[in-house]
Amino acid sequence: METLAAPRFSLQSTLESGQYFRWTRRGDGFEIHLRQGVLFARQNGDVLEFEGVDGATVGRFFALDHDLPAIHAELERDPHLRGALRRYRGLRILRQDPWECMAAFITSAVSNIPRITRNVVDMAARFGTPPAFPRPEQMGSERELRDLKLGFRARYLSQAALLARGGALDRLDGPLESVRQALMEYPGIGMKVAECIALFAYGRLDAFPIDTWVRKAMRRLYFRNRRVSDGKIREFAARRFGRYAGYAQQVLFTAERTGRDYSPDGRPASLSLTLASAPSRR
């Protein structure tokens, strides 16, 4: 197996944080299906051992070039984030294929992580050329997608695939606002999903997707449990977290979803949340 230096990285925390869905545990590591091939990766301290794809692909996908110490140093000025950042110190924002990311998060409407995973795996098996996720040109019709139990999402996926043909998503670029607006022209994509795609596929680390878990955390920590709108939360997050709002969001999401929050000194404090039911992603 090949190796890469991976300081300040947690393979497990990153994969389990609800960003990406085509992975499974295998022995002491993880099997991850990418556009470039099947990656097997395992972690040994600050070293990442891998096979199946080249090192450049691994480093890019796991964002090993992100300066995590600098990102954390900036975000840890916020006392509400300090403990959670320490708890999830190796969690990184992945760089995903734009179309696969879009398709996955279109399926996330009124769903949860296990169901999204099944949907994405089923689409890959039915329409793709293993191990790659099907390109927009390979996606099935609305009827075929409904056969995979995608429900109302099937129409959005089939229409989005038509618009994404010819590499349209690969050419998308610009500041967060322009990326967000371009993504919302695709069927089934509102602000929340557009921000997910901007963050996880286009590396807009200033994006701040707001789902049930993040909304709950933000209202409790910063708004004294007042029912403020997502727009106000987003504006607050932009001011409070700035260029690394996406990292703040992912840490808040992970802490809230797993039912644990962390005090400023890093000691765990119960949130009286449970995982009795599968959590919604977005």
C-alpha atoms as a PDB file:
ATOM      1  CA  MET A   1       0.000   0.000   0.000  1.00  0.00           C
ATOM      2  CA  GLU A   2       1.061   3.576  -0.614  1.00  0.00           C
ATOM      3  CA  THR A   3       1.189   6.163   2.135  1.00  0.00           C
ATOM      4  CA  LEU A   4       0.566   9.869   2.599  1.00  0.00           C
ATOM      5  CA  ALA A   5       1.370  12.098   5.523  1.00  0.00           C
ATOM      6  CA  ALA A   6      -1.976  13.110   7.016  1.00  0.00           C
ATOM      7  CA  PRO A   7      -1.467  15.221  10.149  1.00  0.00           C
ATOM      8  CA  ARG A   8      -4.564  16.715  11.751  1.00  0.00           C
ATOM      9  CA  PHE A   9      -6.790  14.292   9.836  1.00  0.00           C
ATOM     10  CA  SER A  10      -9.396  11.794  11.016  1.00  0.00           C
ATOM     11  CA  LEU A  11     -10.498   9.409   8.296  1.00  0.00           C
ATOM     12  CA  GLN A  12     -13.357   8.087  10.408  1.00  0.00           C
ATOM     13  CA  SER A  13     -14.732  11.447  11.554  1.00  0.00           C
ATOM     14  CA  THR A  14     -14.549  12.836   8.037  1.00  0.00           C
ATOM     15  CA  LEU A  15     -16.369   9.934   6.393  1.00  0.00           C
ATOM     16  CA  GLU A  16     -18.974   9.641   9.145  1.00  0.00           C
ATOM     17  CA  SER A  17     -19.866  13.340   9.080  1.00  0.00           C
ATOM     18  CA  GLY A  18     -22.583  13.053   6.431  1.00  0.00           C
ATOM     19  CA  GLN A  19     -20.747  14.633   3.509  1.00  0.00           C
ATOM     20  CA  TYR A  20     -20.307  11.601   1.273  1.00  0.00           C
ATOM     21  CA  PHE A  21     -22.324   8.423   0.929  1.00  0.00           C
ATOM     22  CA  ARG A  22     -20.530   5.791  -1.160  1.00  0.00           C
ATOM     23  CA  TRP A  23     -18.270   4.240   1.446  1.00  0.00           C
ATOM     24  CA  THR A  24     -18.314   1.165   3.648  1.00  0.00           C
ATOM     25  CA  ARG A  25     -16.148  -0.149   6.442  1.00  0.00           C
ATOM     26  CA  ARG A  26     -13.841  -2.973   5.384  1.00  0.00           C
ATOM     27  CA  GLY A  27     -11.706  -4.600   8.030  1.00  0.00           C
ATOM     28  CA  ASP A  28      -9.522  -1.959   9.616  1.00  0.00           C
ATOM     29  CA  GLY A  29     -10.242   0.601   6.917  1.00  0.00           C
ATOM     30  CA  PHE A  30     -12.789   2.023   4.552  1.00  0.00           C
ATOM     31  CA  GLU A  31     -13.709   1.233   0.960  1.00  0.00           C
ATOM     32  CA  ILE A  32     -14.674   4.413  -0.884  1.00  0.00           C
ATOM     33  CA  HIS A  33     -16.114   4.493  -4.389  1.00  0.00           C
ATOM     34  CA  LEU A  34     -14.887   7.488  -6.357  1.00  0.00           C
ATOM     35  CA  ARG A  35     -15.137   8.594  -9.945  1.00  0.00           C
ATOM     36  CA  GLN A  36     -11.471   7.627 -10.389  1.00  0.00           C
ATOM     37  CA  GLY A  37     -11.754   4.135  -8.880  1.00  0.00           C
ATOM     38  CA  VAL A  38     -12.298   2.196  -5.657  1.00  0.00           C
ATOM     39  CA  LEU A  39     -10.144   3.590  -2.899  1.00  0.00           C
ATOM     40  CA  PHE A  40      -9.255   1.537   0.154  1.00  0.00           C
ATOM     41  CA  ALA A  41      -7.869   3.687   2.955  1.00  0.00           C
ATOM     42  CA  ARG A  42      -6.890   3.155   6.552  1.00  0.00           C
ATOM     43  CA  GLN A  43      -5.233   5.410   9.052  1.00  0.00           C
ATOM     44  CA  ASN A  44      -2.199   4.740  11.193  1.00  0.00           C
ATOM     45  CA  GLY A  45      -1.654   7.807  13.337  1.00  0.00           C
ATOM     46  CA  ASP A  46      -0.605  10.689  11.092  1.00  0.00           C
ATOM     47  CA  VAL A  47      -0.125   8.373   8.112  1.00  0.00           C
ATOM     48  CA  LEU A  48      -2.837   7.463   5.620  1.00  0.00           C
ATOM     49  CA  GLU A  49      -2.349   4.095   3.919  1.00  0.00           C
ATOM     50  CA  PHE A  50      -4.217   3.614   0.650  1.00  0.00           C
ATOM     51  CA  GLU A  51      -4.553   1.701  -2.591  1.00  0.00           C
ATOM     52  CA  GLY A  52      -6.759   1.759  -5.662  1.00  0.00           C
ATOM     53  CA  VAL A  53      -6.221   5.342  -6.828  1.00  0.00           C
ATOM     54  CA  ASP A  54      -3.227   7.672  -7.024  1.00  0.00           C
ATOM     55  CA  GLY A  55      -1.969   9.845  -4.214  1.00  0.00           C
ATOM     56  CA  ALA A  56      -3.020  13.095  -5.886  1.00  0.00           C
ATOM     57  CA  THR A  57      -6.621  11.868  -5.980  1.00  0.00           C
ATOM     58  CA  VAL A  58      -6.477  10.851  -2.315  1.00  0.00           C
ATOM     59  CA  GLY A  59      -4.978  14.139  -1.191  1.00  0.00           C
ATOM     60  CA  ARG A  60      -7.475  16.183  -3.158  1.00  0.00           C
ATOM     61  CA  PHE A  61     -10.550  14.187  -2.087  1.00  0.00           C
ATOM     62  CA  PHE A  62      -9.646  14.367   1.596  1.00  0.00           C
ATOM     63  CA  ALA A  63      -8.525  18.014   1.311  1.00  0.00           C
ATOM     64  CA  LEU A  64      -5.202  17.261   2.960  1.00  0.00           C
ATOM     65  CA  ASP A  65      -3.954  20.634   1.698  1.00  0.00           C
ATOM     66  CA  HIS A  66      -6.411  22.558   3.895  1.00  0.00           C
ATOM     67  CA  ASP A  67      -4.467  24.341   6.625  1.00  0.00           C
ATOM     68  CA  LEU A  68      -6.519  22.880   9.453  1.00  0.00           C
ATOM     69  CA  PRO A  69      -4.441  24.384  12.290  1.00  0.00           C
ATOM     70  CA  ALA A  70      -4.987  27.859  10.822  1.00  0.00           C
ATOM     71  CA  ILE A  71      -8.697  27.182  10.244  1.00  0.00           C
ATOM     72  CA  HIS A  72      -9.156  25.965  13.816  1.00  0.00           C
ATOM     73  CA  ALA A  73      -7.123  28.822  15.258  1.00  0.00           C
ATOM     74  CA  GLU A  74      -9.497  31.277  13.622  1.00  0.00           C
ATOM     75  CA  LEU A  75     -12.692  29.442  14.591  1.00  0.00           C
ATOM     76  CA  GLU A  76     -11.591  28.635  18.143  1.00  0.00           C
ATOM     77  CA  ARG A  77     -11.947  32.312  19.006  1.00  0.00           C
ATOM     78  CA  ASP A  78     -15.618  31.424  19.322  1.00  0.00           C
ATOM     79  CA  PRO A  79     -16.120  29.800  22.754  1.00  0.00           C
ATOM     80  CA  HIS A  80     -19.146  27.811  21.545  1.00  0.00           C
ATOM     81  CA  LEU A  81     -17.045  26.104  18.864  1.00  0.00           C
ATOM     82  CA  ARG A  82     -13.841  25.557  20.807  1.00  0.00           C
ATOM     83  CA  GLY A  83     -14.700  22.265  22.466  1.00  0.00           C
ATOM     84  CA  ALA A  84     -16.406  20.773  19.401  1.00  0.00           C
ATOM     85  CA  LEU A  85     -13.417  21.650  17.225  1.00  0.00           C
ATOM     86  CA  ARG A  86     -11.173  19.816  19.671  1.00  0.00           C
ATOM     87  CA  ARG A  87     -13.473  16.809  19.678  1.00  0.00           C
ATOM     88  CA  TYR A  88     -13.531  16.646  15.864  1.00  0.00           C
ATOM     89  CA  ARG A  89     -10.058  18.037  15.294  1.00  0.00           C
ATOM     90  CA  GLY A  90      -9.342  15.887  12.240  1.00  0.00           C
ATOM     91  CA  LEU A  91     -12.642  16.381  10.414  1.00  0.00           C
ATOM     92  CA  ARG A  92     -12.055  17.837   6.942  1.00  0.00           C
ATOM     93  CA  ILE A  93     -14.371  19.139   4.239  1.00  0.00           C
ATOM     94  CA  LEU A  94     -14.149  16.717   1.303  1.00  0.00           C
ATOM     95  CA  ARG A  95     -13.779  17.695  -2.344  1.00  0.00           C
ATOM     96  CA  GLN A  96     -16.420  15.767  -4.262  1.00  0.00           C
ATOM     97  CA  ASP A  97     -17.390  15.356  -7.872  1.00  0.00           C
ATOM     98  CA  PRO A  98     -19.978  18.104  -8.538  1.00  0.00           C
ATOM     99  CA  TRP A  99     -22.564  15.942 -10.297  1.00  0.00           C
ATOM    100  CA  GLU A 100     -22.442  13.095  -7.787  1.00  0.00           C
ATOM    101  CA  CYS A 101     -22.678  15.636  -4.963  1.00  0.00           C
ATOM    102  CA  MET A 102     -25.657  17.328  -6.620  1.00  0.00           C
ATOM    103  CA  ALA A 103     -27.483  14.045  -7.207  1.00  0.00           C
ATOM    104  CA  ALA A 104     -26.862  12.903  -3.626  1.00  0.00           C
ATOM    105  CA  PHE A 105     -28.147  16.087  -2.051  1.00  0.00           C
ATOM    106  CA  ILE A 106     -31.184  16.275  -4.328  1.00  0.00           C
ATOM    107  CA  THR A 107     -32.132  12.918  -2.831  1.00  0.00           C
ATOM    108  CA  SER A 108     -31.613  14.325   0.681  1.00  0.00           C
ATOM    109  CA  ALA A 109     -34.944  16.178   0.735  1.00  0.00           C
ATOM    110  CA  VAL A 110     -37.112  14.781   3.564  1.00  0.00           C
ATOM    111  CA  SER A 111     -34.649  11.930   4.022  1.00  0.00           C
ATOM    112  CA  ASN A 112     -31.875  10.655   6.275  1.00  0.00           C
ATOM    113  CA  ILE A 113     -28.337   9.407   5.900  1.00  0.00           C
ATOM    114  CA  PRO A 114     -29.104   5.649   5.594  1.00  0.00           C
ATOM    115  CA  ARG A 115     -31.771   6.307   2.962  1.00  0.00           C
ATOM    116  CA  ILE A 116     -29.594   8.757   1.004  1.00  0.00           C
ATOM    117  CA  THR A 117     -26.832   6.159   1.022  1.00  0.00           C
ATOM    118  CA  ARG A 118     -29.188   3.492  -0.352  1.00  0.00           C
ATOM    119  CA  ASN A 119     -30.442   5.868  -3.051  1.00  0.00           C
ATOM    120  CA  VAL A 120     -26.939   6.833  -4.188  1.00  0.00           C
ATOM    121  CA  VAL A 121     -25.667   3.251  -4.155  1.00  0.00           C
ATOM    122  CA  ASP A 122     -28.742   2.080  -6.093  1.00  0.00           C
ATOM    123  CA  MET A 123     -28.287   4.769  -8.762  1.00  0.00           C
ATOM    124  CA  ALA A 124     -24.619   3.854  -9.144  1.00  0.00           C
ATOM    125  CA  ALA A 125     -25.424   0.160  -9.496  1.00  0.00           C
ATOM    126  CA  ARG A 126     -28.326   0.684 -11.915  1.00  0.00           C
ATOM    127  CA  PHE A 127     -26.970   3.357 -14.259  1.00  0.00           C
ATOM    128  CA  GLY A 128     -23.239   3.769 -13.674  1.00  0.00           C
ATOM    129  CA  THR A 129     -20.109   2.099 -14.945  1.00  0.00           C
ATOM    130  CA  PRO A 130     -18.627   0.695 -11.726  1.00  0.00           C
ATOM    131  CA  PRO A 131     -17.114   2.101  -9.667  1.00  0.00           C
ATOM    132  CA  ALA A 132     -18.003   5.517 -11.033  1.00  0.00           C
ATOM    133  CA  PHE A 133     -21.293   7.196 -10.244  1.00  0.00           C
ATOM    134  CA  PRO A 134     -23.365   7.577 -13.445  1.00  0.00           C
ATOM    135  CA  ARG A 135     -22.631  10.728 -15.393  1.00  0.00           C
ATOM    136  CA  PRO A 136     -25.617  12.961 -16.249  1.00  0.00           C
ATOM    137  CA  GLU A 137     -25.788  11.364 -19.691  1.00  0.00           C
ATOM    138  CA  GLN A 138     -26.158   7.917 -18.117  1.00  0.00           C
ATOM    139  CA  MET A 139     -28.944   8.731 -15.676  1.00  0.00           C
ATOM    140  CA  GLY A 140     -32.242   6.966 -16.194  1.00  0.00           C
ATOM    141  CA  SER A 141     -35.640   8.447 -16.924  1.00  0.00           C
ATOM    142  CA  GLU A 142     -37.967   9.661 -14.218  1.00  0.00           C
ATOM    143  CA  ARG A 143     -39.828   6.356 -14.353  1.00  0.00           C
ATOM    144  CA  GLU A 144     -36.613   4.357 -13.998  1.00  0.00           C
ATOM    145  CA  LEU A 145     -35.541   6.518 -11.071  1.00  0.00           C
ATOM    146  CA  ARG A 146     -38.928   6.060  -9.420  1.00  0.00           C
ATOM    147  CA  ASP A 147     -38.374   2.323  -9.672  1.00  0.00           C
ATOM    148  CA  LEU A 148     -35.438   2.872  -7.288  1.00  0.00           C
ATOM    149  CA  LYS A 149     -37.896   4.273  -4.730  1.00  0.00           C
ATOM    150  CA  LEU A 150     -36.736   7.857  -5.170  1.00  0.00           C
ATOM    151  CA  GLY A 151     -40.291   9.166  -5.097  1.00  0.00           C
ATOM    152  CA  PHE A 152     -40.795  12.847  -5.950  1.00  0.00           C
ATOM    153  CA  ARG A 153     -37.011  13.274  -6.137  1.00  0.00           C
ATOM    154  CA  ALA A 154     -36.960  11.216  -9.369  1.00  0.00           C
ATOM    155  CA  ARG A 155     -38.381  14.107 -11.399  1.00  0.00           C
ATOM    156  CA  TYR A 156     -35.848  16.563 -10.028  1.00  0.00           C
ATOM    157  CA  LEU A 157     -32.970  14.164 -10.683  1.00  0.00           C
ATOM    158  CA  SER A 158     -33.969  13.405 -14.260  1.00  0.00           C
ATOM    159  CA  GLN A 159     -34.421  17.112 -15.062  1.00  0.00           C
ATOM    160  CA  ALA A 160     -31.176  18.097 -13.333  1.00  0.00           C
ATOM    161  CA  ALA A 161     -29.299  15.408 -15.278  1.00  0.00           C
ATOM    162  CA  LEU A 162     -30.498  16.903 -18.560  1.00  0.00           C
ATOM    163  CA  LEU A 163     -29.236  20.358 -17.566  1.00  0.00           C
ATOM    164  CA  ALA A 164     -25.905  19.003 -16.317  1.00  0.00           C
ATOM    165  CA  ARG A 165     -24.977  17.188 -19.514  1.00  0.00           C
ATOM    166  CA  GLY A 166     -21.865  18.215 -21.387  1.00  0.00           C
ATOM    167  CA  GLY A 167     -19.891  19.038 -18.270  1.00  0.00           C
ATOM    168  CA  ALA A 168     -21.933  22.093 -17.312  1.00  0.00           C
ATOM    169  CA  LEU A 169     -21.187  21.629 -13.616  1.00  0.00           C
ATOM    170  CA  ASP A 170     -17.449  21.301 -14.223  1.00  0.00           C
ATOM    171  CA  ARG A 171     -17.438  24.823 -15.677  1.00  0.00           C
ATOM    172  CA  LEU A 172     -19.222  26.422 -12.732  1.00  0.00           C
ATOM    173  CA  ASP A 173     -17.000  28.911 -10.933  1.00  0.00           C
ATOM    174  CA  GLY A 174     -17.005  32.207  -9.102  1.00  0.00           C
ATOM    175  CA  PRO A 175     -17.809  33.573  -5.645  1.00  0.00           C
ATOM    176  CA  LEU A 176     -20.262  31.843  -3.342  1.00  0.00           C
ATOM    177  CA  GLU A 177     -23.250  33.967  -4.293  1.00  0.00           C
ATOM    178  CA  SER A 178     -22.877  33.309  -8.034  1.00  0.00           C
ATOM    179  CA  VAL A 179     -22.273  29.567  -7.515  1.00  0.00           C
ATOM    180  CA  ARG A 180     -25.299  29.387  -5.237  1.00  0.00           C
ATOM    181  CA  GLN A 181     -27.556  31.170  -7.723  1.00  0.00           C
ATOM    182  CA  ALA A 182     -26.376  29.003 -10.629  1.00  0.00           C
ATOM    183  CA  LEU A 183     -27.041  25.828  -8.645  1.00  0.00           C
ATOM    184  CA  MET A 184     -30.537  26.958  -7.672  1.00  0.00           C
ATOM    185  CA  GLU A 185     -31.469  27.051 -11.351  1.00  0.00           C
ATOM    186  CA  TYR A 186     -31.431  23.248 -11.253  1.00  0.00           C
ATOM    187  CA  PRO A 187     -34.718  21.515 -10.338  1.00  0.00           C
ATOM    188  CA  GLY A 188     -35.035  20.423  -6.725  1.00  0.00           C
ATOM    189  CA  ILE A 189     -32.275  22.700  -5.450  1.00  0.00           C
ATOM    190  CA  GLY A 190     -33.052  25.418  -2.926  1.00  0.00           C
ATOM    191  CA  MET A 191     -30.703  27.427  -0.757  1.00  0.00           C
ATOM    192  CA  LYS A 192     -29.855  24.585   1.630  1.00  0.00           C
ATOM    193  CA  VAL A 193     -28.882  22.069  -1.048  1.00  0.00           C
ATOM    194  CA  ALA A 194     -27.084  24.734  -3.101  1.00  0.00           C
ATOM    195  CA  GLU A 195     -24.934  25.566  -0.086  1.00  0.00           C
ATOM    196  CA  CYS A 196     -24.180  21.867   0.495  1.00  0.00           C
ATOM    197  CA  ILE A 197     -22.975  21.486  -3.094  1.00  0.00           C
ATOM    198  CA  ALA A 198     -21.014  24.752  -2.966  1.00  0.00           C
ATOM    199  CA  LEU A 199     -19.250  23.566   0.180  1.00  0.00           C
ATOM    200  CA  PHE A 200     -18.669  19.887  -0.571  1.00  0.00           C
ATOM    201  CA  ALA A 201     -18.062  20.010  -4.337  1.00  0.00           C
ATOM    202  CA  TYR A 202     -16.766  23.507  -5.079  1.00  0.00           C
ATOM    203  CA  GLY A 203     -14.709  24.172  -1.976  1.00  0.00           C
ATOM    204  CA  ARG A 204     -16.600  27.331  -1.000  1.00  0.00           C
ATOM    205  CA  LEU A 205     -15.587  27.145   2.649  1.00  0.00           C
ATOM    206  CA  ASP A 206     -17.633  30.258   3.380  1.00  0.00           C
ATOM    207  CA  ALA A 207     -20.865  28.368   2.632  1.00  0.00           C
ATOM    208  CA  PHE A 208     -23.077  27.557   5.626  1.00  0.00           C
ATOM    209  CA  PRO A 209     -25.762  24.933   4.855  1.00  0.00           C
ATOM    210  CA  ILE A 210     -28.595  25.040   7.380  1.00  0.00           C
ATOM    211  CA  ASP A 211     -30.472  21.836   8.118  1.00  0.00           C
ATOM    212  CA  THR A 212     -32.511  20.758  11.147  1.00  0.00           C
ATOM    213  CA  TRP A 213     -29.436  19.990  13.254  1.00  0.00           C
ATOM    214  CA  VAL A 214     -27.510  23.153  12.434  1.00  0.00           C
ATOM    215  CA  ARG A 215     -30.620  25.298  12.890  1.00  0.00           C
ATOM    216  CA  LYS A 216     -31.190  23.775  16.326  1.00  0.00           C
ATOM    217  CA  ALA A 217     -27.569  24.306  17.381  1.00  0.00           C
ATOM    218  CA  MET A 218     -27.422  27.889  16.122  1.00  0.00           C
ATOM    219  CA  ARG A 219     -30.677  28.915  17.773  1.00  0.00           C
ATOM    220  CA  ARG A 220     -29.621  27.403  21.087  1.00  0.00           C
ATOM    221  CA  LEU A 221     -26.039  28.658  21.138  1.00  0.00           C
ATOM    222  CA  TYR A 222     -26.406  32.100  19.604  1.00  0.00           C
ATOM    223  CA  PHE A 223     -30.059  33.170  19.699  1.00  0.00           C
ATOM    224  CA  ARG A 224     -31.240  32.009  23.149  1.00  0.00           C
ATOM    225  CA  ASN A 225     -33.602  29.488  21.529  1.00  0.00           C
ATOM    226  CA  ARG A 226     -35.497  32.171  19.622  1.00  0.00           C
ATOM    227  CA  ARG A 227     -37.115  31.089  16.361  1.00  0.00           C
ATOM    228  CA  VAL A 228     -35.026  33.161  13.992  1.00  0.00           C
ATOM    229  CA  SER A 229     -35.141  32.572  10.248  1.00  0.00           C
ATOM    230  CA  ASP A 230     -32.535  30.656   8.282  1.00  0.00           C
ATOM    231  CA  GLY A 231     -31.701  33.900   6.495  1.00  0.00           C
ATOM    232  CA  LYS A 232     -30.795  35.595   9.763  1.00  0.00           C
ATOM    233  CA  ILE A 233     -28.785  32.561  10.859  1.00  0.00           C
ATOM    234  CA  ARG A 234     -26.903  32.598   7.559  1.00  0.00           C
ATOM    235  CA  GLU A 235     -26.135  36.311   7.860  1.00  0.00           C
ATOM    236  CA  PHE A 236     -24.968  35.823  11.440  1.00  0.00           C
ATOM    237  CA  ALA A 237     -22.764  32.869  10.467  1.00  0.00           C
ATOM    238  CA  ALA A 238     -21.143  34.882   7.668  1.00  0.00           C
ATOM    239  CA  ARG A 239     -20.217  37.617  10.144  1.00  0.00           C
ATOM    240  CA  ARG A 240     -19.262  35.287  12.980  1.00  0.00           C
ATOM    241  CA  PHE A 241     -17.328  32.562  11.139  1.00  0.00           C
ATOM    242  CA  GLY A 242     -16.308  34.324   7.923  1.00  0.00           C
ATOM    243  CA  ARG A 243     -14.278  32.495   5.338  1.00  0.00           C
ATOM    244  CA  TYR A 244     -14.373  29.201   7.279  1.00  0.00           C
ATOM    245  CA  ALA A 245     -18.103  29.117   7.997  1.00  0.00           C
ATOM    246  CA  GLY A 246     -18.328  25.727   6.277  1.00  0.00           C
ATOM    247  CA  TYR A 247     -16.003  24.141   8.812  1.00  0.00           C
ATOM    248  CA  ALA A 248     -17.976  25.695  11.665  1.00  0.00           C
ATOM    249  CA  GLN A 249     -21.172  24.302  10.154  1.00  0.00           C
ATOM    250  CA  GLN A 250     -19.832  20.781   9.731  1.00  0.00           C
ATOM    251  CA  VAL A 251     -18.539  20.604  13.295  1.00  0.00           C
ATOM    252  CA  LEU A 252     -21.857  21.927  14.653  1.00  0.00           C
ATOM    253  CA  PHE A 253     -23.790  19.460  12.494  1.00  0.00           C
ATOM    254  CA  THR A 254     -21.681  16.509  13.620  1.00  0.00           C
ATOM    255  CA  ALA A 255     -21.820  17.402  17.314  1.00  0.00           C
ATOM    256  CA  GLU A 256     -25.569  18.027  17.255  1.00  0.00           C
ATOM    257  CA  ARG A 257     -26.432  14.945  15.195  1.00  0.00           C
ATOM    258  CA  THR A 258     -24.450  12.602  17.411  1.00  0.00           C
ATOM    259  CA  GLY A 259     -26.092  13.978  20.539  1.00  0.00           C
ATOM    260  CA  ARG A 260     -22.975  15.500  22.075  1.00  0.00           C
ATOM    261  CA  ASP A 261     -21.868  19.059  22.583  1.00  0.00           C
ATOM    262  CA  TYR A 262     -18.608  20.297  24.070  1.00  0.00           C
ATOM    263  CA  SER A 263     -17.892  23.012  26.566  1.00  0.00           C
ATOM    264  CA  PRO A 264     -15.096  25.512  25.859  1.00  0.00           C
ATOM    265  CA  ASP A 265     -12.570  23.412  27.805  1.00  0.00           C
ATOM    266  CA  GLY A 266     -13.389  20.342  25.707  1.00  0.00           C
ATOM    267  CA  ARG A 267     -15.323  18.415  28.346  1.00  0.00           C
ATOM    268  CA  PRO A 268     -18.410  16.625  26.992  1.00  0.00           C
ATOM    269  CA  ALA A 269     -21.828  17.898  28.037  1.00  0.00           C
ATOM    270  CA  SER A 270     -24.993  15.928  27.327  1.00  0.00           C
ATOM    271  CA  LEU A 271     -27.510  17.506  24.981  1.00  0.00           C
ATOM    272  CA  SER A 272     -30.314  15.049  25.827  1.00  0.00           C
ATOM    273  CA  LEU A 273     -30.434  14.073  22.143  1.00  0.00           C
ATOM    274  CA  THR A 274     -30.624  10.494  20.943  1.00  0.00           C
ATOM    275  CA  LEU A 275     -30.070   8.554  17.763  1.00  0.00           C
ATOM    276  CA  ALA A 276     -33.214   6.490  18.243  1.00  0.00           C
ATOM    277  CA  SER A 277     -34.294   7.460  14.752  1.00  0.00           C
ATOM    278  CA  ALA A 278     -32.034   7.882  11.742  1.00  0.00           C
ATOM    279  CA  PRO A 279     -30.874  11.500  11.464  1.00  0.00           C
ATOM    280  CA  SER A 280     -31.803  13.725   8.575  1.00  0.00           C
ATOM    281  CA  ARG A 281     -28.865  15.046   6.613  1.00  0.00           C
ATOM    282  CA  ARG A 282     -30.245  18.221   5.090  1.00  0.00           C
END
